[in-house]
Protein backbone atom coordinates (compact mmCIF):
# COMPACT_ATOMS: atom_id res chain seq x y z
CA MET A 1 0.00 0.00 0.00
CA ASP A 2 1.38 3.40 -0.92
CA LYS A 3 1.15 6.60 1.09
CA ARG A 4 -1.66 8.05 -1.04
CA SER A 5 -3.83 4.97 -0.58
CA LEU A 6 -3.17 4.99 3.15
CA GLU A 7 -4.12 8.66 3.37
CA HIS A 8 -7.34 7.92 1.47
CA VAL A 9 -8.32 5.13 3.86
CA ALA A 10 -7.41 7.26 6.89
CA ARG A 11 -9.54 10.14 5.57
CA ARG A 12 -12.50 7.82 4.99
CA PHE A 13 -12.07 6.49 8.53
CA ARG A 14 -12.09 10.00 10.03
CA GLU A 15 -15.22 10.86 8.02
CA ALA A 16 -16.92 7.69 9.30
CA GLU A 17 -15.98 8.62 12.88
CA THR A 18 -17.56 12.04 12.39
CA ARG A 19 -20.75 10.51 10.97
CA ALA A 20 -20.89 7.99 13.82
CA ASP A 21 -20.53 10.78 16.38
CA ILE A 22 -23.38 12.75 14.77
CA LEU A 23 -25.60 9.66 14.67
CA ARG A 24 -24.74 8.79 18.29
CA LYS A 25 -25.90 12.26 19.36
CA GLU A 26 -29.08 11.94 17.28
CA LEU A 27 -29.84 8.56 18.83
CA ALA A 28 -29.25 9.92 22.33
CA ALA A 29 -31.64 12.79 21.63
CA ALA A 30 -34.23 10.31 20.29
CA ILE A 31 -33.85 8.16 23.41
CA ARG A 32 -34.35 11.21 25.64
CA GLN A 33 -37.41 12.22 23.62
CA ALA A 34 -38.85 8.71 23.83
CA ASP A 35 -38.30 8.78 27.60
CA ALA A 36 -39.99 12.18 27.83
CA ASP A 37 -42.88 10.77 25.77
CA GLU A 38 -43.14 7.99 28.36
CA VAL A 39 -42.17 5.19 25.98
CA PRO A 40 -41.49 2.18 28.23
CA GLN A 41 -37.79 1.69 28.85
CA LYS A 42 -38.15 -1.93 27.75
CA ASP A 43 -39.29 -0.74 24.31
CA ILE A 44 -36.40 1.74 24.07
CA CYS A 45 -33.96 -1.07 24.91
CA GLU A 46 -35.49 -3.40 22.33
CA ALA A 47 -35.43 -0.73 19.62
CA THR A 48 -31.85 0.38 20.26
CA GLY A 49 -30.17 -2.78 21.50
CA TYR A 50 -28.95 -0.84 24.52
CA THR A 51 -29.19 -2.14 28.06
CA ARG A 52 -31.47 -0.50 30.61
CA GLN A 53 -28.38 0.91 32.32
CA GLN A 54 -27.14 2.48 29.07
CA VAL A 55 -30.56 4.03 28.46
CA ARG A 56 -30.65 5.42 32.02
CA ARG A 57 -27.19 6.94 31.58
CA ILE A 58 -28.22 8.63 28.33
CA VAL A 59 -31.42 10.01 29.86
CA LEU A 60 -29.61 11.22 32.98
CA ALA A 61 -26.83 12.78 30.90
CA GLY A 62 -29.49 14.77 29.06
CA ASP A 63 -30.94 15.96 32.35
CA THR A 64 -27.46 17.08 33.45
CA ASP A 65 -26.77 18.83 30.13
CA GLU A 66 -30.01 20.79 30.36
CA ALA A 67 -29.25 21.86 33.91
CA THR A 68 -25.78 23.14 33.00
CA PRO A 69 -25.70 26.83 32.06
CA GLY A 70 -24.45 27.56 28.57
CA ASN A 71 -25.58 24.28 27.00
CA SER A 72 -28.21 24.30 24.30
């Protein structure tokens, strides 16, 4: 593999990381909205594949973010 090919793959990887980060934030917002809409946590877990503990952490992190001044 030459340097140019390696740079191309590395660039594609960085772009994928950026997309994954954006999607992770969108999913977290959707989980918080589902929780606010009183969707049962069991249903959120089934839809996302996350554990109940992961869902709780995401919901609680949203509560913390909203309570912190300067966050939007």
